[in-house]
């Protein structure tokens, strides 16, 4: 078994699908990059001004795993509660 060091990046919050993004296709570029790049991101959540459920759906569709620690909900950046 071969192991690799995965780089990490600690932003405060990640981008996401903008509200109304299902019509405008306005998706933050960092979501696409998360799907392409082997990196671990530890952050405060998805920015609260974005569409959190659609962002999580987008990440799942792109094969990006998400984990919420210490909460039953995925947190929104700026607030403990997201969806």
PDB file of N, CA and C in Angstrom:
ATOM      1  N   UNK A   1       0.838  -1.177   0.000  1.00  0.00           N
ATOM      2  CA  UNK A   1       0.000   0.000   0.000  1.00  0.00           C
ATOM      3  C   UNK A   1       0.884   1.242   0.000  1.00  0.00           C
ATOM      4  N   UNK A   2       0.614   2.123  -0.918  1.00  0.00           N
ATOM      5  CA  UNK A   2       1.387   3.350  -1.024  1.00  0.00           C
ATOM      6  C   UNK A   2       0.592   4.492  -0.386  1.00  0.00           C
ATOM      7  N   UNK A   3       1.260   5.319   0.383  1.00  0.00           N
ATOM      8  CA  UNK A   3       0.583   6.464   0.993  1.00  0.00           C
ATOM      9  C   UNK A   3       1.173   7.751   0.426  1.00  0.00           C
ATOM     10  N   UNK A   4       0.368   8.771   0.443  1.00  0.00           N
ATOM     11  CA  UNK A   4       0.781  10.076  -0.066  1.00  0.00           C
ATOM     12  C   UNK A   4       0.454  11.134   0.973  1.00  0.00           C
ATOM     13  N   UNK A   5       1.272  12.133   1.036  1.00  0.00           N
ATOM     14  CA  UNK A   5       0.944  13.283   1.869  1.00  0.00           C
ATOM     15  C   UNK A   5      -0.039  14.150   1.095  1.00  0.00           C
ATOM     16  N   UNK A   6      -1.146  14.455   1.699  1.00  0.00           N
ATOM     17  CA  UNK A   6      -2.136  15.313   1.063  1.00  0.00           C
ATOM     18  C   UNK A   6      -1.982  16.709   1.623  1.00  0.00           C
ATOM     19  N   UNK A   7      -1.774  17.700   0.754  1.00  0.00           N
ATOM     20  CA  UNK A   7      -1.659  19.067   1.266  1.00  0.00           C
ATOM     21  C   UNK A   7      -2.972  19.518   1.902  1.00  0.00           C
ATOM     22  N   UNK A   8      -2.869  20.435   2.838  1.00  0.00           N
ATOM     23  CA  UNK A   8      -4.078  20.960   3.460  1.00  0.00           C
ATOM     24  C   UNK A   8      -4.129  22.467   3.263  1.00  0.00           C
ATOM     25  N   UNK A   9      -5.346  22.982   3.310  1.00  0.00           N
ATOM     26  CA  UNK A   9      -5.560  24.418   3.128  1.00  0.00           C
ATOM     27  C   UNK A   9      -6.628  24.857   4.126  1.00  0.00           C
ATOM     28  N   UNK A  10      -6.328  25.788   5.041  1.00  0.00           N
ATOM     29  CA  UNK A  10      -7.302  26.185   6.056  1.00  0.00           C
ATOM     30  C   UNK A  10      -8.000  27.526   5.793  1.00  0.00           C
ATOM     31  N   UNK A  11      -8.939  27.602   4.839  1.00  0.00           N
ATOM     32  CA  UNK A  11      -9.669  28.865   4.663  1.00  0.00           C
ATOM     33  C   UNK A  11     -10.694  29.033   5.782  1.00  0.00           C
ATOM     34  N   UNK A  12     -11.235  30.206   5.941  1.00  0.00           N
ATOM     35  CA  UNK A  12     -12.282  30.402   6.943  1.00  0.00           C
ATOM     36  C   UNK A  12     -13.586  29.779   6.470  1.00  0.00           C
ATOM     37  N   UNK A  13     -13.963  29.988   5.237  1.00  0.00           N
ATOM     38  CA  UNK A  13     -15.173  29.396   4.669  1.00  0.00           C
ATOM     39  C   UNK A  13     -14.948  29.152   3.195  1.00  0.00           C
ATOM     40  N   UNK A  14     -15.632  28.145   2.652  1.00  0.00           N
ATOM     41  CA  UNK A  14     -15.489  27.872   1.218  1.00  0.00           C
ATOM     42  C   UNK A  14     -16.611  28.559   0.456  1.00  0.00           C
ATOM     43  N   UNK A  15     -16.413  28.691  -0.843  1.00  0.00           N
ATOM     44  CA  UNK A  15     -17.447  29.244  -1.708  1.00  0.00           C
ATOM     45  C   UNK A  15     -18.531  28.211  -1.925  1.00  0.00           C
ATOM     46  N   UNK A  16     -19.367  28.446  -2.910  1.00  0.00           N
ATOM     47  CA  UNK A  16     -20.440  27.496  -3.159  1.00  0.00           C
ATOM     48  C   UNK A  16     -21.297  27.893  -4.330  1.00  0.00           C
ATOM     49  N   UNK A  17     -22.481  27.302  -4.361  1.00  0.00           N
ATOM     50  CA  UNK A  17     -23.471  27.625  -5.385  1.00  0.00           C
ATOM     51  C   UNK A  17     -24.219  28.865  -4.895  1.00  0.00           C
ATOM     52  N   UNK A  18     -24.250  29.888  -5.716  1.00  0.00           N
ATOM     53  CA  UNK A  18     -24.930  31.118  -5.331  1.00  0.00           C
ATOM     54  C   UNK A  18     -26.435  30.912  -5.362  1.00  0.00           C
ATOM     55  N   UNK A  19     -27.152  31.667  -4.549  1.00  0.00           N
ATOM     56  CA  UNK A  19     -28.618  31.560  -4.547  1.00  0.00           C
ATOM     57  C   UNK A  19     -29.123  31.859  -5.947  1.00  0.00           C
ATOM     58  N   UNK A  20     -30.030  31.023  -6.418  1.00  0.00           N
ATOM     59  CA  UNK A  20     -30.509  31.128  -7.798  1.00  0.00           C
ATOM     60  C   UNK A  20     -29.554  30.485  -8.784  1.00  0.00           C
ATOM     61  N   UNK A  21     -28.530  29.816  -8.286  1.00  0.00           N
ATOM     62  CA  UNK A  21     -27.512  29.203  -9.139  1.00  0.00           C
ATOM     63  C   UNK A  21     -28.038  28.135 -10.068  1.00  0.00           C
ATOM     64  N   UNK A  22     -29.194  27.544  -9.741  1.00  0.00           N
ATOM     65  CA  UNK A  22     -29.782  26.552 -10.633  1.00  0.00           C
ATOM     66  C   UNK A  22     -30.242  27.193 -11.948  1.00  0.00           C
ATOM     67  N   UNK A  23     -30.431  28.514 -11.940  1.00  0.00           N
ATOM     68  CA  UNK A  23     -30.825  29.229 -13.152  1.00  0.00           C
ATOM     69  C   UNK A  23     -29.646  29.925 -13.815  1.00  0.00           C
ATOM     70  N   UNK A  24     -28.719  30.419 -13.003  1.00  0.00           N
ATOM     71  CA  UNK A  24     -27.606  31.210 -13.540  1.00  0.00           C
ATOM     72  C   UNK A  24     -26.323  30.409 -13.702  1.00  0.00           C
ATOM     73  N   UNK A  25     -26.264  29.207 -13.095  1.00  0.00           N
ATOM     74  CA  UNK A  25     -25.055  28.369 -13.092  1.00  0.00           C
ATOM     75  C   UNK A  25     -23.889  29.115 -12.439  1.00  0.00           C
ATOM     76  N   UNK A  26     -24.197  29.957 -11.464  1.00  0.00           N
ATOM     77  CA  UNK A  26     -23.181  30.727 -10.748  1.00  0.00           C
ATOM     78  C   UNK A  26     -22.636  29.883  -9.600  1.00  0.00           C
ATOM     79  N   UNK A  27     -21.497  29.248  -9.843  1.00  0.00           N
ATOM     80  CA  UNK A  27     -20.863  28.356  -8.881  1.00  0.00           C
ATOM     81  C   UNK A  27     -19.441  28.845  -8.654  1.00  0.00           C
ATOM     82  N   UNK A  28     -19.035  28.975  -7.390  1.00  0.00           N
ATOM     83  CA  UNK A  28     -17.676  29.418  -7.078  1.00  0.00           C
ATOM     84  C   UNK A  28     -16.654  28.449  -7.664  1.00  0.00           C
ATOM     85  N   UNK A  29     -15.594  28.998  -8.224  1.00  0.00           N
ATOM     86  CA  UNK A  29     -14.561  28.195  -8.880  1.00  0.00           C
ATOM     87  C   UNK A  29     -13.857  27.244  -7.926  1.00  0.00           C
ATOM     88  N   UNK A  30     -13.835  27.572  -6.635  1.00  0.00           N
ATOM     89  CA  UNK A  30     -13.131  26.680  -5.706  1.00  0.00           C
ATOM     90  C   UNK A  30     -13.798  25.313  -5.594  1.00  0.00           C
ATOM     91  N   UNK A  31     -15.102  25.212  -5.867  1.00  0.00           N
ATOM     92  CA  UNK A  31     -15.766  23.909  -5.806  1.00  0.00           C
ATOM     93  C   UNK A  31     -15.249  22.981  -6.897  1.00  0.00           C
ATOM     94  N   UNK A  32     -15.079  23.504  -8.088  1.00  0.00           N
ATOM     95  CA  UNK A  32     -14.531  22.701  -9.186  1.00  0.00           C
ATOM     96  C   UNK A  32     -13.103  22.282  -8.863  1.00  0.00           C
ATOM     97  N   UNK A  33     -12.339  23.187  -8.301  1.00  0.00           N
ATOM     98  CA  UNK A  33     -10.947  22.875  -7.962  1.00  0.00           C
ATOM     99  C   UNK A  33     -10.869  21.825  -6.857  1.00  0.00           C
ATOM    100  N   UNK A  34     -11.790  21.853  -5.905  1.00  0.00           N
ATOM    101  CA  UNK A  34     -11.810  20.835  -4.856  1.00  0.00           C
ATOM    102  C   UNK A  34     -12.013  19.443  -5.437  1.00  0.00           C
ATOM    103  N   UNK A  35     -12.780  19.346  -6.518  1.00  0.00           N
ATOM    104  CA  UNK A  35     -13.015  18.056  -7.161  1.00  0.00           C
ATOM    105  C   UNK A  35     -11.791  17.572  -7.938  1.00  0.00           C
ATOM    106  N   UNK A  36     -10.949  18.469  -8.387  1.00  0.00           N
ATOM    107  CA  UNK A  36      -9.782  18.123  -9.213  1.00  0.00           C
ATOM    108  C   UNK A  36      -8.501  17.902  -8.433  1.00  0.00           C
ATOM    109  N   UNK A  37      -8.358  18.554  -7.289  1.00  0.00           N
ATOM    110  CA  UNK A  37      -7.082  18.599  -6.585  1.00  0.00           C
ATOM    111  C   UNK A  37      -7.133  17.765  -5.311  1.00  0.00           C
ATOM    112  N   UNK A  38      -6.148  16.881  -5.105  1.00  0.00           N
ATOM    113  CA  UNK A  38      -6.117  16.114  -3.863  1.00  0.00           C
ATOM    114  C   UNK A  38      -5.665  16.993  -2.695  1.00  0.00           C
ATOM    115  N   UNK A  39      -6.618  17.542  -1.984  1.00  0.00           N
ATOM    116  CA  UNK A  39      -6.322  18.456  -0.891  1.00  0.00           C
ATOM    117  C   UNK A  39      -7.349  18.231   0.221  1.00  0.00           C
ATOM    118  N   UNK A  40      -6.942  18.443   1.444  1.00  0.00           N
ATOM    119  CA  UNK A  40      -7.847  18.400   2.584  1.00  0.00           C
ATOM    120  C   UNK A  40      -8.120  19.838   3.010  1.00  0.00           C
ATOM    121  N   UNK A  41      -9.390  20.184   3.111  1.00  0.00           N
ATOM    122  CA  UNK A  41      -9.772  21.536   3.508  1.00  0.00           C
ATOM    123  C   UNK A  41     -10.509  21.447   4.840  1.00  0.00           C
ATOM    124  N   UNK A  42     -10.010  22.160   5.824  1.00  0.00           N
ATOM    125  CA  UNK A  42     -10.681  22.264   7.120  1.00  0.00           C
ATOM    126  C   UNK A  42     -11.112  23.714   7.244  1.00  0.00           C
ATOM    127  N   UNK A  43     -12.432  23.930   7.332  1.00  0.00           N
ATOM    128  CA  UNK A  43     -12.912  25.311   7.335  1.00  0.00           C
ATOM    129  C   UNK A  43     -14.126  25.451   8.239  1.00  0.00           C
ATOM    130  N   UNK A  44     -14.605  26.667   8.376  1.00  0.00           N
ATOM    131  CA  UNK A  44     -15.753  26.969   9.230  1.00  0.00           C
ATOM    132  C   UNK A  44     -17.079  26.648   8.560  1.00  0.00           C
ATOM    133  N   UNK A  45     -17.075  26.265   7.307  1.00  0.00           N
ATOM    134  CA  UNK A  45     -18.303  25.906   6.605  1.00  0.00           C
ATOM    135  C   UNK A  45     -18.425  26.640   5.289  1.00  0.00           C
ATOM    136  N   UNK A  46     -19.603  26.528   4.713  1.00  0.00           N
ATOM    137  CA  UNK A  46     -19.927  27.210   3.461  1.00  0.00           C
ATOM    138  C   UNK A  46     -20.369  28.624   3.809  1.00  0.00           C
ATOM    139  N   UNK A  47     -19.946  29.599   3.031  1.00  0.00           N
ATOM    140  CA  UNK A  47     -20.332  30.985   3.315  1.00  0.00           C
ATOM    141  C   UNK A  47     -21.851  31.099   3.387  1.00  0.00           C
ATOM    142  N   UNK A  48     -22.340  31.729   4.430  1.00  0.00           N
ATOM    143  CA  UNK A  48     -23.770  31.736   4.735  1.00  0.00           C
ATOM    144  C   UNK A  48     -24.631  32.462   3.704  1.00  0.00           C
ATOM    145  N   UNK A  49     -24.042  33.280   2.859  1.00  0.00           N
ATOM    146  CA  UNK A  49     -24.832  33.981   1.843  1.00  0.00           C
ATOM    147  C   UNK A  49     -25.126  33.096   0.633  1.00  0.00           C
ATOM    148  N   UNK A  50     -24.556  31.894   0.608  1.00  0.00           N
ATOM    149  CA  UNK A  50     -24.709  30.987  -0.523  1.00  0.00           C
ATOM    150  C   UNK A  50     -25.811  29.962  -0.262  1.00  0.00           C
ATOM    151  N   UNK A  51     -26.149  29.191  -1.278  1.00  0.00           N
ATOM    152  CA  UNK A  51     -27.172  28.146  -1.185  1.00  0.00           C
ATOM    153  C   UNK A  51     -26.497  26.873  -0.662  1.00  0.00           C
ATOM    154  N   UNK A  52     -26.595  26.642   0.638  1.00  0.00           N
ATOM    155  CA  UNK A  52     -25.862  25.542   1.277  1.00  0.00           C
ATOM    156  C   UNK A  52     -26.338  24.169   0.795  1.00  0.00           C
ATOM    157  N   UNK A  53     -27.647  23.886   0.748  1.00  0.00           N
ATOM    158  CA  UNK A  53     -28.065  22.566   0.262  1.00  0.00           C
ATOM    159  C   UNK A  53     -27.600  22.286  -1.174  1.00  0.00           C
ATOM    160  N   UNK A  54     -27.682  23.267  -2.050  1.00  0.00           N
ATOM    161  CA  UNK A  54     -27.221  23.056  -3.441  1.00  0.00           C
ATOM    162  C   UNK A  54     -25.704  22.902  -3.498  1.00  0.00           C
ATOM    163  N   UNK A  55     -24.994  23.611  -2.633  1.00  0.00           N
ATOM    164  CA  UNK A  55     -23.537  23.477  -2.588  1.00  0.00           C
ATOM    165  C   UNK A  55     -23.150  22.070  -2.164  1.00  0.00           C
ATOM    166  N   UNK A  56     -23.799  21.548  -1.127  1.00  0.00           N
ATOM    167  CA  UNK A  56     -23.510  20.182  -0.690  1.00  0.00           C
ATOM    168  C   UNK A  56     -23.855  19.166  -1.777  1.00  0.00           C
ATOM    169  N   UNK A  57     -24.954  19.399  -2.481  1.00  0.00           N
ATOM    170  CA  UNK A  57     -25.335  18.514  -3.588  1.00  0.00           C
ATOM    171  C   UNK A  57     -24.295  18.574  -4.708  1.00  0.00           C
ATOM    172  N   UNK A  58     -23.808  19.764  -5.011  1.00  0.00           N
ATOM    173  CA  UNK A  58     -22.783  19.932  -6.043  1.00  0.00           C
ATOM    174  C   UNK A  58     -21.507  19.180  -5.653  1.00  0.00           C
ATOM    175  N   UNK A  59     -21.073  19.351  -4.399  1.00  0.00           N
ATOM    176  CA  UNK A  59     -19.863  18.666  -3.939  1.00  0.00           C
ATOM    177  C   UNK A  59     -20.027  17.156  -4.009  1.00  0.00           C
ATOM    178  N   UNK A  60     -21.192  16.654  -3.607  1.00  0.00           N
ATOM    179  CA  UNK A  60     -21.449  15.217  -3.675  1.00  0.00           C
ATOM    180  C   UNK A  60     -21.400  14.726  -5.122  1.00  0.00           C
ATOM    181  N   UNK A  61     -22.012  15.471  -6.019  1.00  0.00           N
ATOM    182  CA  UNK A  61     -22.009  15.106  -7.438  1.00  0.00           C
ATOM    183  C   UNK A  61     -20.599  15.061  -8.000  1.00  0.00           C
ATOM    184  N   UNK A  62     -19.732  15.951  -7.517  1.00  0.00           N
ATOM    185  CA  UNK A  62     -18.345  16.002  -7.986  1.00  0.00           C
ATOM    186  C   UNK A  62     -17.443  15.002  -7.261  1.00  0.00           C
ATOM    187  N   UNK A  63     -17.987  14.252  -6.313  1.00  0.00           N
ATOM    188  CA  UNK A  63     -17.202  13.253  -5.594  1.00  0.00           C
ATOM    189  C   UNK A  63     -16.348  13.811  -4.478  1.00  0.00           C
ATOM    190  N   UNK A  64     -16.726  14.971  -3.966  1.00  0.00           N
ATOM    191  CA  UNK A  64     -15.975  15.605  -2.872  1.00  0.00           C
ATOM    192  C   UNK A  64     -16.655  15.245  -1.553  1.00  0.00           C
ATOM    193  N   UNK A  65     -15.972  14.485  -0.676  1.00  0.00           N
ATOM    194  CA  UNK A  65     -16.591  14.142   0.605  1.00  0.00           C
ATOM    195  C   UNK A  65     -16.651  15.348   1.541  1.00  0.00           C
ATOM    196  N   UNK A  66     -17.720  15.424   2.326  1.00  0.00           N
ATOM    197  CA  UNK A  66     -17.861  16.508   3.307  1.00  0.00           C
ATOM    198  C   UNK A  66     -18.156  15.888   4.666  1.00  0.00           C
ATOM    199  N   UNK A  67     -17.627  16.498   5.696  1.00  0.00           N
ATOM    200  CA  UNK A  67     -17.814  16.028   7.063  1.00  0.00           C
ATOM    201  C   UNK A  67     -18.096  17.233   7.941  1.00  0.00           C
ATOM    202  N   UNK A  68     -19.053  17.082   8.812  1.00  0.00           N
ATOM    203  CA  UNK A  68     -19.344  18.128   9.797  1.00  0.00           C
ATOM    204  C   UNK A  68     -18.967  17.581  11.161  1.00  0.00           C
ATOM    205  N   UNK A  69     -18.126  18.297  11.886  1.00  0.00           N
ATOM    206  CA  UNK A  69     -17.649  17.841  13.189  1.00  0.00           C
ATOM    207  C   UNK A  69     -18.332  18.628  14.300  1.00  0.00           C
ATOM    208  N   UNK A  70     -18.929  17.928  15.237  1.00  0.00           N
ATOM    209  CA  UNK A  70     -19.533  18.578  16.392  1.00  0.00           C
ATOM    210  C   UNK A  70     -20.899  19.175  16.135  1.00  0.00           C
ATOM    211  N   UNK A  71     -21.546  18.784  15.033  1.00  0.00           N
ATOM    212  CA  UNK A  71     -22.862  19.315  14.708  1.00  0.00           C
ATOM    213  C   UNK A  71     -23.605  18.304  13.848  1.00  0.00           C
ATOM    214  N   UNK A  72     -24.918  18.248  13.984  1.00  0.00           N
ATOM    215  CA  UNK A  72     -25.732  17.384  13.130  1.00  0.00           C
ATOM    216  C   UNK A  72     -26.033  18.044  11.796  1.00  0.00           C
ATOM    217  N   UNK A  73     -25.734  19.324  11.687  1.00  0.00           N
ATOM    218  CA  UNK A  73     -25.971  20.089  10.470  1.00  0.00           C
ATOM    219  C   UNK A  73     -24.639  20.530   9.895  1.00  0.00           C
ATOM    220  N   UNK A  74     -24.612  20.797   8.591  1.00  0.00           N
ATOM    221  CA  UNK A  74     -23.401  21.346   7.995  1.00  0.00           C
ATOM    222  C   UNK A  74     -23.399  22.841   8.304  1.00  0.00           C
ATOM    223  N   UNK A  75     -22.356  23.341   8.959  1.00  0.00           N
ATOM    224  CA  UNK A  75     -22.377  24.741   9.396  1.00  0.00           C
ATOM    225  C   UNK A  75     -22.231  25.738   8.257  1.00  0.00           C
ATOM    226  N   UNK A  76     -22.793  26.895   8.472  1.00  0.00           N
ATOM    227  CA  UNK A  76     -22.617  28.018   7.561  1.00  0.00           C
ATOM    228  C   UNK A  76     -21.561  28.926   8.175  1.00  0.00           C
ATOM    229  N   UNK A  77     -20.654  29.410   7.353  1.00  0.00           N
ATOM    230  CA  UNK A  77     -19.644  30.332   7.849  1.00  0.00           C
ATOM    231  C   UNK A  77     -20.350  31.599   8.321  1.00  0.00           C
ATOM    232  N   UNK A  78     -20.087  32.034   9.506  1.00  0.00           N
ATOM    233  CA  UNK A  78     -20.678  33.154  10.240  1.00  0.00           C
ATOM    234  C   UNK A  78     -21.773  32.707  11.191  1.00  0.00           C
ATOM    235  N   UNK A  79     -22.249  31.470  11.095  1.00  0.00           N
ATOM    236  CA  UNK A  79     -23.271  30.984  12.015  1.00  0.00           C
ATOM    237  C   UNK A  79     -23.059  29.505  12.275  1.00  0.00           C
ATOM    238  N   UNK A  80     -23.411  29.041  13.439  1.00  0.00           N
ATOM    239  CA  UNK A  80     -23.220  27.630  13.781  1.00  0.00           C
ATOM    240  C   UNK A  80     -24.201  26.737  13.043  1.00  0.00           C
ATOM    241  N   UNK A  81     -25.351  27.269  12.658  1.00  0.00           N
ATOM    242  CA  UNK A  81     -26.398  26.459  12.035  1.00  0.00           C
ATOM    243  C   UNK A  81     -26.531  26.813  10.568  1.00  0.00           C
ATOM    244  N   UNK A  82     -26.638  25.807   9.713  1.00  0.00           N
ATOM    245  CA  UNK A  82     -26.664  26.052   8.283  1.00  0.00           C
ATOM    246  C   UNK A  82     -27.949  25.681   7.595  1.00  0.00           C
ATOM    247  N   UNK A  83     -28.352  24.439   7.701  1.00  0.00           N
ATOM    248  CA  UNK A  83     -29.547  24.032   6.992  1.00  0.00           C
ATOM    249  C   UNK A  83     -30.498  23.328   7.922  1.00  0.00           C
TER     250      UNK A  83
END
